């Protein structure tokens, strides 16, 4: 099944966690606030390999990180655990919590569909489609043991090297 991950409508029809994510981002107008930054919800929730405590990850493209910081502070600083972190001059991460769910917005000056968060999710989705539900459950089990998503995929697929690079090179059969 092909999903347009750039349109969050699929979350509305998804599993319980996906429906909850859709409701949260809609009711709290998160994507509306950052609509000018080409937001895409990425990570484990969209591809149904999330575990307890998984956050809602949203990537953004931003050339002016200071302006984005002001916007995010204006709209989201009222939420629990709100914080903004700059990594060098090029990356901004904003995190906060609402309704017991962590939200993380990640911004850099790169087209969102070219960012690794999106590219990894698309590759993982392709793999999950080819390997089936038992494979997905094994990924979740590894994640519950503390293994991050990309390393979990590489472990299951016996991929050597840097999991964040090598996973993108994996050819789905």
N, C-alpha and C. Protein backbone atom coordinates (compact mmCIF):
# COMPACT_ATOMS: atom_id res chain seq x y z
N UNK A 1 0.84 -1.18 0.00
CA UNK A 1 0.00 0.00 0.00
C UNK A 1 0.88 1.24 0.00
N UNK A 2 0.62 2.14 -0.92
CA UNK A 2 1.36 3.39 -0.99
C UNK A 2 0.66 4.46 -0.16
N UNK A 3 1.43 5.16 0.64
CA UNK A 3 0.90 6.22 1.49
C UNK A 3 1.62 7.51 1.11
N UNK A 4 0.87 8.59 1.00
CA UNK A 4 1.46 9.91 0.82
C UNK A 4 1.74 10.46 2.21
N UNK A 5 2.97 10.28 2.69
CA UNK A 5 3.33 10.69 4.04
C UNK A 5 3.35 12.21 4.21
N UNK A 6 3.28 12.95 3.11
CA UNK A 6 3.26 14.41 3.20
C UNK A 6 1.87 14.93 3.57
N UNK A 7 0.88 14.08 3.48
CA UNK A 7 -0.50 14.43 3.82
C UNK A 7 -0.91 13.57 5.03
N UNK A 8 -1.17 14.20 6.16
CA UNK A 8 -1.42 13.46 7.40
C UNK A 8 -2.78 12.76 7.43
N UNK A 9 -3.56 12.85 6.38
CA UNK A 9 -4.89 12.22 6.37
C UNK A 9 -4.81 10.72 6.67
N UNK A 10 -3.74 10.05 6.27
CA UNK A 10 -3.60 8.61 6.52
C UNK A 10 -3.60 8.30 8.02
N UNK A 11 -3.10 9.23 8.83
CA UNK A 11 -3.07 9.01 10.28
C UNK A 11 -4.49 8.92 10.84
N UNK A 12 -5.39 9.69 10.29
CA UNK A 12 -6.77 9.74 10.75
C UNK A 12 -7.45 8.38 10.62
N UNK A 13 -7.01 7.57 9.66
CA UNK A 13 -7.61 6.26 9.39
C UNK A 13 -6.75 5.11 9.90
N UNK A 14 -5.67 5.43 10.61
CA UNK A 14 -4.70 4.41 11.01
C UNK A 14 -5.04 3.69 12.30
N UNK A 15 -4.01 3.17 12.94
CA UNK A 15 -4.17 2.46 14.20
C UNK A 15 -4.45 3.45 15.33
N UNK A 16 -4.61 2.94 16.54
CA UNK A 16 -4.97 3.79 17.68
C UNK A 16 -3.96 4.91 17.91
N UNK A 17 -2.67 4.59 17.87
CA UNK A 17 -1.63 5.59 18.11
C UNK A 17 -1.59 6.63 16.99
N UNK A 18 -1.79 6.18 15.74
CA UNK A 18 -1.81 7.11 14.61
C UNK A 18 -3.00 8.05 14.71
N UNK A 19 -4.16 7.53 15.08
CA UNK A 19 -5.35 8.38 15.25
C UNK A 19 -5.12 9.38 16.37
N UNK A 20 -4.49 8.92 17.46
CA UNK A 20 -4.18 9.83 18.57
C UNK A 20 -3.22 10.92 18.12
N UNK A 21 -2.19 10.55 17.36
CA UNK A 21 -1.23 11.53 16.85
C UNK A 21 -1.93 12.54 15.96
N UNK A 22 -2.80 12.06 15.10
CA UNK A 22 -3.55 12.96 14.21
C UNK A 22 -4.40 13.94 15.03
N UNK A 23 -5.09 13.41 16.02
CA UNK A 23 -5.94 14.26 16.86
C UNK A 23 -5.10 15.32 17.58
N UNK A 24 -3.97 14.92 18.14
CA UNK A 24 -3.12 15.86 18.87
C UNK A 24 -2.59 16.96 17.95
N UNK A 25 -2.03 16.57 16.82
CA UNK A 25 -1.45 17.60 15.94
C UNK A 25 -2.54 18.50 15.35
N UNK A 26 -3.76 17.97 15.20
CA UNK A 26 -4.86 18.77 14.67
C UNK A 26 -5.43 19.69 15.75
N UNK A 27 -5.79 19.12 16.91
CA UNK A 27 -6.40 19.93 17.96
C UNK A 27 -5.46 21.02 18.49
N UNK A 28 -4.17 20.73 18.51
CA UNK A 28 -3.20 21.71 19.00
C UNK A 28 -2.62 22.56 17.86
N UNK A 29 -3.14 22.36 16.66
CA UNK A 29 -2.80 23.15 15.47
C UNK A 29 -1.30 23.20 15.21
N UNK A 30 -0.62 22.11 15.50
CA UNK A 30 0.84 22.10 15.37
C UNK A 30 1.26 22.30 13.92
N UNK A 31 0.67 21.56 13.01
CA UNK A 31 1.06 21.70 11.60
C UNK A 31 0.60 23.03 11.02
N UNK A 32 -0.51 23.55 11.52
CA UNK A 32 -0.97 24.87 11.05
C UNK A 32 0.05 25.95 11.41
N UNK A 33 0.59 25.87 12.62
CA UNK A 33 1.57 26.87 13.07
C UNK A 33 2.81 26.86 12.18
N UNK A 34 3.25 25.67 11.76
CA UNK A 34 4.51 25.56 11.00
C UNK A 34 4.27 25.28 9.51
N UNK A 35 3.08 25.57 9.03
CA UNK A 35 2.73 25.23 7.64
C UNK A 35 3.67 25.83 6.61
N UNK A 36 4.28 26.98 6.91
CA UNK A 36 5.18 27.62 5.96
C UNK A 36 6.56 26.95 5.90
N UNK A 37 6.76 25.93 6.72
CA UNK A 37 8.06 25.26 6.80
C UNK A 37 8.01 23.84 6.24
N UNK A 38 7.02 23.56 5.40
CA UNK A 38 6.87 22.27 4.72
C UNK A 38 6.96 21.09 5.70
N UNK A 39 6.10 21.08 6.74
CA UNK A 39 6.20 20.03 7.76
C UNK A 39 5.80 18.65 7.25
N UNK A 40 6.51 17.64 7.75
CA UNK A 40 6.15 16.24 7.49
C UNK A 40 6.29 15.48 8.81
N UNK A 41 5.26 14.73 9.17
CA UNK A 41 5.33 13.85 10.34
C UNK A 41 6.13 12.63 9.91
N UNK A 42 7.20 12.33 10.65
CA UNK A 42 8.09 11.22 10.31
C UNK A 42 8.26 10.33 11.54
N UNK A 43 9.10 9.31 11.38
CA UNK A 43 9.45 8.46 12.52
C UNK A 43 8.67 7.17 12.55
N UNK A 44 8.50 6.66 13.75
CA UNK A 44 7.94 5.32 13.92
C UNK A 44 6.42 5.28 13.91
N UNK A 45 5.77 6.34 14.35
CA UNK A 45 4.29 6.33 14.39
C UNK A 45 3.69 6.22 12.99
N UNK A 46 4.14 6.99 12.01
CA UNK A 46 3.55 6.87 10.68
C UNK A 46 3.67 5.47 10.06
N UNK A 47 4.73 4.74 10.39
CA UNK A 47 4.92 3.42 9.77
C UNK A 47 4.60 2.28 10.73
N UNK A 48 3.95 2.58 11.85
CA UNK A 48 3.41 1.58 12.77
C UNK A 48 4.47 0.66 13.38
N UNK A 49 5.59 1.26 13.77
CA UNK A 49 6.58 0.50 14.55
C UNK A 49 6.91 1.22 15.84
N UNK A 50 6.02 2.11 16.25
CA UNK A 50 6.20 2.83 17.50
C UNK A 50 6.01 1.88 18.68
N UNK A 51 6.58 2.30 19.78
CA UNK A 51 6.42 1.56 21.03
C UNK A 51 5.89 2.53 22.08
N UNK A 52 5.63 2.03 23.27
CA UNK A 52 5.17 2.88 24.34
C UNK A 52 6.17 4.03 24.51
N UNK A 53 5.66 5.23 24.61
CA UNK A 53 6.54 6.38 24.81
C UNK A 53 7.13 6.98 23.54
N UNK A 54 6.82 6.42 22.39
CA UNK A 54 7.32 7.01 21.14
C UNK A 54 6.74 8.41 20.97
N UNK A 55 7.57 9.32 20.44
CA UNK A 55 7.11 10.68 20.27
C UNK A 55 6.62 10.92 18.85
N UNK A 56 5.96 12.06 18.68
CA UNK A 56 5.54 12.50 17.35
C UNK A 56 6.66 13.37 16.81
N UNK A 57 7.28 12.94 15.74
CA UNK A 57 8.39 13.66 15.13
C UNK A 57 7.91 14.41 13.89
N UNK A 58 8.29 15.67 13.80
CA UNK A 58 7.91 16.50 12.66
C UNK A 58 9.16 17.20 12.16
N UNK A 59 9.42 17.06 10.87
CA UNK A 59 10.57 17.74 10.28
C UNK A 59 10.10 18.99 9.54
N UNK A 60 10.99 19.97 9.50
CA UNK A 60 10.69 21.26 8.88
C UNK A 60 11.88 21.73 8.05
N UNK A 61 11.61 22.54 7.05
CA UNK A 61 12.67 23.24 6.33
C UNK A 61 12.62 24.70 6.73
N UNK A 62 13.76 25.20 7.24
CA UNK A 62 13.80 26.60 7.69
C UNK A 62 15.14 27.22 7.36
N UNK A 63 15.08 28.37 6.71
CA UNK A 63 16.32 29.11 6.43
C UNK A 63 16.63 30.08 7.55
N UNK A 64 15.60 30.62 8.18
CA UNK A 64 15.75 31.59 9.27
C UNK A 64 15.37 30.93 10.59
N UNK A 65 16.34 30.30 11.24
CA UNK A 65 16.04 29.56 12.47
C UNK A 65 15.62 30.47 13.61
N UNK A 66 16.12 31.70 13.65
CA UNK A 66 15.71 32.62 14.72
C UNK A 66 14.22 32.97 14.60
N UNK A 67 13.75 33.18 13.38
CA UNK A 67 12.33 33.48 13.17
C UNK A 67 11.48 32.27 13.55
N UNK A 68 11.96 31.08 13.21
CA UNK A 68 11.24 29.86 13.59
C UNK A 68 11.22 29.71 15.11
N UNK A 69 12.34 29.99 15.76
CA UNK A 69 12.40 29.90 17.22
C UNK A 69 11.35 30.81 17.86
N UNK A 70 11.24 32.02 17.35
CA UNK A 70 10.24 32.96 17.87
C UNK A 70 8.82 32.43 17.68
N UNK A 71 8.55 31.89 16.51
CA UNK A 71 7.22 31.34 16.21
C UNK A 71 6.90 30.17 17.15
N UNK A 72 7.85 29.25 17.28
CA UNK A 72 7.64 28.08 18.13
C UNK A 72 7.48 28.47 19.59
N UNK A 73 8.27 29.42 20.04
CA UNK A 73 8.18 29.90 21.42
C UNK A 73 6.81 30.54 21.66
N UNK A 74 6.38 31.36 20.72
CA UNK A 74 5.08 32.04 20.85
C UNK A 74 3.94 31.03 21.00
N UNK A 75 3.97 29.97 20.20
CA UNK A 75 2.84 29.04 20.16
C UNK A 75 2.95 27.84 21.10
N UNK A 76 4.15 27.42 21.42
CA UNK A 76 4.28 26.15 22.15
C UNK A 76 4.95 26.25 23.52
N UNK A 77 5.44 27.42 23.91
CA UNK A 77 6.14 27.52 25.19
C UNK A 77 5.23 27.26 26.38
N UNK A 78 3.94 27.30 26.18
CA UNK A 78 2.98 27.02 27.26
C UNK A 78 2.91 25.53 27.60
N UNK A 79 3.45 24.69 26.74
CA UNK A 79 3.38 23.25 26.96
C UNK A 79 4.48 22.76 27.90
N UNK A 80 4.19 21.63 28.56
CA UNK A 80 5.16 21.02 29.47
C UNK A 80 6.44 20.68 28.73
N UNK A 81 7.52 20.74 29.44
CA UNK A 81 8.88 20.36 29.00
C UNK A 81 9.34 21.09 27.74
N UNK A 82 8.73 22.24 27.43
CA UNK A 82 9.11 22.99 26.23
C UNK A 82 10.59 23.37 26.29
N UNK A 83 11.28 23.10 25.19
CA UNK A 83 12.65 23.58 25.06
C UNK A 83 13.03 23.65 23.59
N UNK A 84 13.96 24.55 23.31
CA UNK A 84 14.52 24.68 21.97
C UNK A 84 16.02 24.56 22.10
N UNK A 85 16.59 23.73 21.24
CA UNK A 85 18.04 23.52 21.24
C UNK A 85 18.55 23.82 19.84
N UNK A 86 19.62 24.58 19.78
CA UNK A 86 20.32 24.82 18.52
C UNK A 86 21.54 23.91 18.47
N UNK A 87 21.72 23.23 17.36
CA UNK A 87 22.93 22.44 17.13
C UNK A 87 23.73 23.20 16.09
N UNK A 88 24.73 23.90 16.56
CA UNK A 88 25.49 24.77 15.66
C UNK A 88 24.57 25.88 15.17
N UNK A 89 24.83 26.34 13.97
CA UNK A 89 24.01 27.40 13.38
C UNK A 89 22.98 26.84 12.41
N UNK A 90 22.93 25.52 12.27
CA UNK A 90 22.18 24.96 11.16
C UNK A 90 20.96 24.13 11.53
N UNK A 91 20.83 23.72 12.79
CA UNK A 91 19.74 22.83 13.18
C UNK A 91 19.06 23.35 14.43
N UNK A 92 17.73 23.31 14.41
CA UNK A 92 16.94 23.69 15.56
C UNK A 92 16.05 22.50 15.92
N UNK A 93 15.99 22.16 17.18
CA UNK A 93 15.09 21.12 17.67
C UNK A 93 14.22 21.73 18.75
N UNK A 94 12.94 21.57 18.61
CA UNK A 94 11.97 22.05 19.59
C UNK A 94 11.21 20.84 20.12
N UNK A 95 11.14 20.73 21.43
CA UNK A 95 10.39 19.62 22.00
C UNK A 95 9.48 20.11 23.10
N UNK A 96 8.38 19.44 23.24
CA UNK A 96 7.43 19.72 24.30
C UNK A 96 6.51 18.52 24.45
N UNK A 97 5.67 18.58 25.46
CA UNK A 97 4.78 17.46 25.74
C UNK A 97 3.36 17.98 25.91
N UNK A 98 2.40 17.23 25.39
CA UNK A 98 1.00 17.52 25.60
C UNK A 98 0.23 16.22 25.67
N UNK A 99 -0.71 16.16 26.56
CA UNK A 99 -1.54 14.97 26.73
C UNK A 99 -0.70 13.70 26.92
N UNK A 100 0.43 13.84 27.60
CA UNK A 100 1.29 12.69 27.84
C UNK A 100 2.07 12.22 26.63
N UNK A 101 2.05 12.99 25.56
CA UNK A 101 2.76 12.62 24.34
C UNK A 101 3.84 13.66 24.04
N UNK A 102 5.04 13.18 23.80
CA UNK A 102 6.15 14.06 23.44
C UNK A 102 6.05 14.42 21.96
N UNK A 103 6.33 15.68 21.67
CA UNK A 103 6.36 16.19 20.29
C UNK A 103 7.76 16.73 20.06
N UNK A 104 8.35 16.40 18.90
CA UNK A 104 9.65 16.96 18.57
C UNK A 104 9.61 17.51 17.15
N UNK A 105 9.98 18.77 17.02
CA UNK A 105 10.08 19.41 15.72
C UNK A 105 11.56 19.61 15.43
N UNK A 106 11.99 19.20 14.25
CA UNK A 106 13.39 19.25 13.85
C UNK A 106 13.47 20.09 12.58
N UNK A 107 14.26 21.14 12.61
CA UNK A 107 14.34 22.05 11.47
C UNK A 107 15.76 22.27 11.01
N UNK A 108 15.92 22.29 9.70
CA UNK A 108 17.19 22.66 9.08
C UNK A 108 16.89 23.20 7.70
N UNK A 109 17.89 23.80 7.08
CA UNK A 109 17.70 24.38 5.75
C UNK A 109 17.97 23.30 4.70
N UNK A 110 17.03 22.39 4.63
CA UNK A 110 17.09 21.31 3.64
C UNK A 110 15.64 20.92 3.34
N UNK A 111 15.34 20.67 2.09
CA UNK A 111 14.00 20.25 1.70
C UNK A 111 13.61 19.05 2.56
N UNK A 112 12.41 19.07 3.12
CA UNK A 112 12.04 18.02 4.08
C UNK A 112 12.09 16.61 3.48
N UNK A 113 11.73 16.46 2.21
CA UNK A 113 11.79 15.12 1.61
C UNK A 113 13.22 14.66 1.36
N UNK A 114 14.19 15.56 1.49
CA UNK A 114 15.61 15.17 1.36
C UNK A 114 16.26 14.92 2.71
N UNK A 115 15.58 15.26 3.80
CA UNK A 115 16.15 15.07 5.13
C UNK A 115 16.16 13.59 5.50
N UNK A 116 17.16 13.20 6.27
CA UNK A 116 17.30 11.80 6.65
C UNK A 116 16.11 11.25 7.41
N UNK A 117 15.45 12.07 8.22
CA UNK A 117 14.27 11.59 8.94
C UNK A 117 13.21 11.07 7.99
N UNK A 118 12.98 11.77 6.91
CA UNK A 118 12.02 11.34 5.90
C UNK A 118 12.56 10.16 5.09
N UNK A 119 13.79 10.27 4.64
CA UNK A 119 14.38 9.23 3.80
C UNK A 119 14.46 7.89 4.55
N UNK A 120 14.84 7.93 5.83
CA UNK A 120 14.89 6.69 6.62
C UNK A 120 13.49 6.10 6.76
N UNK A 121 12.51 6.94 7.06
CA UNK A 121 11.15 6.43 7.23
C UNK A 121 10.64 5.78 5.94
N UNK A 122 10.89 6.39 4.81
CA UNK A 122 10.44 5.82 3.53
C UNK A 122 11.12 4.48 3.27
N UNK A 123 12.42 4.39 3.52
CA UNK A 123 13.14 3.12 3.33
C UNK A 123 12.61 2.06 4.28
N UNK A 124 12.41 2.44 5.54
CA UNK A 124 11.88 1.49 6.53
C UNK A 124 10.49 1.02 6.14
N UNK A 125 9.67 1.91 5.63
CA UNK A 125 8.33 1.55 5.19
C UNK A 125 8.40 0.54 4.04
N UNK A 126 9.28 0.79 3.07
CA UNK A 126 9.45 -0.16 1.95
C UNK A 126 9.86 -1.53 2.47
N UNK A 127 10.79 -1.56 3.42
CA UNK A 127 11.25 -2.83 3.99
C UNK A 127 10.10 -3.52 4.72
N UNK A 128 9.37 -2.78 5.52
CA UNK A 128 8.24 -3.36 6.27
C UNK A 128 7.20 -3.93 5.31
N UNK A 129 6.95 -3.24 4.21
CA UNK A 129 5.98 -3.73 3.23
C UNK A 129 6.44 -5.05 2.61
N UNK A 130 7.75 -5.20 2.43
CA UNK A 130 8.26 -6.42 1.80
C UNK A 130 8.43 -7.57 2.81
N UNK A 131 8.64 -7.24 4.08
CA UNK A 131 8.95 -8.27 5.09
C UNK A 131 7.74 -8.71 5.91
N UNK A 132 6.74 -7.87 6.03
CA UNK A 132 5.51 -8.27 6.71
C UNK A 132 5.44 -7.98 8.19
N UNK A 133 4.29 -8.34 8.81
CA UNK A 133 4.01 -7.98 10.21
C UNK A 133 4.92 -8.66 11.23
N UNK A 134 5.40 -9.86 10.98
CA UNK A 134 6.30 -10.51 11.94
C UNK A 134 7.61 -9.74 12.05
N UNK A 135 8.10 -9.27 10.93
CA UNK A 135 9.33 -8.46 10.91
C UNK A 135 9.10 -7.17 11.70
N UNK A 136 7.97 -6.53 11.49
CA UNK A 136 7.65 -5.29 12.21
C UNK A 136 7.61 -5.54 13.71
N UNK A 137 7.04 -6.67 14.12
CA UNK A 137 6.97 -6.98 15.54
C UNK A 137 8.37 -7.19 16.12
N UNK A 138 9.25 -7.81 15.36
CA UNK A 138 10.64 -8.01 15.82
C UNK A 138 11.36 -6.67 15.96
N UNK A 139 11.07 -5.73 15.06
CA UNK A 139 11.65 -4.38 15.17
C UNK A 139 11.16 -3.73 16.46
N UNK A 140 9.85 -3.81 16.72
CA UNK A 140 9.31 -3.25 17.97
C UNK A 140 9.95 -3.89 19.20
N UNK A 141 10.14 -5.21 19.15
CA UNK A 141 10.77 -5.91 20.28
C UNK A 141 12.18 -5.40 20.54
N UNK A 142 12.95 -5.20 19.46
CA UNK A 142 14.30 -4.67 19.60
C UNK A 142 14.26 -3.25 20.16
N UNK A 143 13.32 -2.46 19.70
CA UNK A 143 13.19 -1.09 20.19
C UNK A 143 12.86 -1.08 21.69
N UNK A 144 12.01 -2.02 22.11
CA UNK A 144 11.68 -2.11 23.55
C UNK A 144 12.91 -2.48 24.38
N UNK A 145 13.88 -3.12 23.75
CA UNK A 145 15.13 -3.46 24.44
C UNK A 145 16.13 -2.31 24.41
N UNK A 146 15.71 -1.16 23.83
CA UNK A 146 16.56 0.02 23.84
C UNK A 146 17.35 0.25 22.57
N UNK A 147 17.13 -0.56 21.56
CA UNK A 147 17.86 -0.38 20.29
C UNK A 147 17.10 0.64 19.44
N UNK A 148 17.80 1.62 18.94
CA UNK A 148 17.19 2.65 18.09
C UNK A 148 16.69 2.02 16.79
N UNK A 149 15.83 2.75 16.10
CA UNK A 149 15.14 2.20 14.93
C UNK A 149 16.08 1.74 13.82
N UNK A 150 16.96 2.62 13.35
CA UNK A 150 17.83 2.25 12.23
C UNK A 150 18.75 1.08 12.60
N UNK A 151 19.39 1.09 13.78
CA UNK A 151 20.18 -0.08 14.17
C UNK A 151 19.34 -1.36 14.28
N UNK A 152 18.09 -1.24 14.71
CA UNK A 152 17.22 -2.42 14.79
C UNK A 152 16.99 -3.02 13.40
N UNK A 153 16.72 -2.15 12.43
CA UNK A 153 16.55 -2.64 11.06
C UNK A 153 17.82 -3.32 10.57
N UNK A 154 18.95 -2.69 10.80
CA UNK A 154 20.22 -3.25 10.33
C UNK A 154 20.52 -4.59 11.00
N UNK A 155 20.19 -4.70 12.27
CA UNK A 155 20.39 -5.97 12.97
C UNK A 155 19.52 -7.06 12.33
N UNK A 156 18.27 -6.76 12.08
CA UNK A 156 17.35 -7.74 11.49
C UNK A 156 17.74 -8.10 10.06
N UNK A 157 18.32 -7.17 9.34
CA UNK A 157 18.67 -7.39 7.94
C UNK A 157 20.14 -7.79 7.76
N UNK A 158 20.86 -7.90 8.87
CA UNK A 158 22.28 -8.25 8.85
C UNK A 158 23.09 -7.26 7.99
N UNK A 159 22.81 -5.99 8.18
CA UNK A 159 23.52 -4.92 7.48
C UNK A 159 24.65 -4.44 8.38
N UNK A 160 25.84 -4.40 7.83
CA UNK A 160 27.02 -3.96 8.60
C UNK A 160 27.32 -2.49 8.31
N UNK A 161 28.06 -1.87 9.20
CA UNK A 161 28.48 -0.49 9.00
C UNK A 161 27.56 0.47 9.74
N UNK A 162 27.66 1.74 9.39
CA UNK A 162 26.86 2.78 10.01
C UNK A 162 25.40 2.59 9.62
N UNK A 163 24.53 2.27 10.58
CA UNK A 163 23.13 1.98 10.24
C UNK A 163 22.39 3.15 9.60
N UNK A 164 22.80 4.37 9.91
CA UNK A 164 22.11 5.54 9.38
C UNK A 164 22.47 5.79 7.92
N UNK A 165 23.59 5.25 7.49
CA UNK A 165 24.01 5.36 6.09
C UNK A 165 23.64 4.09 5.32
N UNK A 166 24.01 2.96 5.88
CA UNK A 166 23.84 1.69 5.17
C UNK A 166 22.38 1.31 4.96
N UNK A 167 21.50 1.70 5.88
CA UNK A 167 20.09 1.37 5.70
C UNK A 167 19.55 2.01 4.41
N UNK A 168 19.99 3.22 4.13
CA UNK A 168 19.54 3.91 2.90
C UNK A 168 20.04 3.21 1.64
N UNK A 169 21.12 2.45 1.76
CA UNK A 169 21.67 1.74 0.59
C UNK A 169 21.03 0.37 0.40
N UNK A 170 20.25 -0.08 1.36
CA UNK A 170 19.63 -1.42 1.29
C UNK A 170 18.64 -1.49 0.11
N UNK A 171 18.77 -2.54 -0.67
CA UNK A 171 17.86 -2.74 -1.80
C UNK A 171 16.73 -3.68 -1.40
N UNK A 172 15.52 -3.16 -1.44
CA UNK A 172 14.34 -3.97 -1.12
C UNK A 172 14.04 -4.87 -2.30
N UNK A 173 13.83 -6.14 -1.99
CA UNK A 173 13.55 -7.12 -3.07
C UNK A 173 12.11 -7.52 -3.06
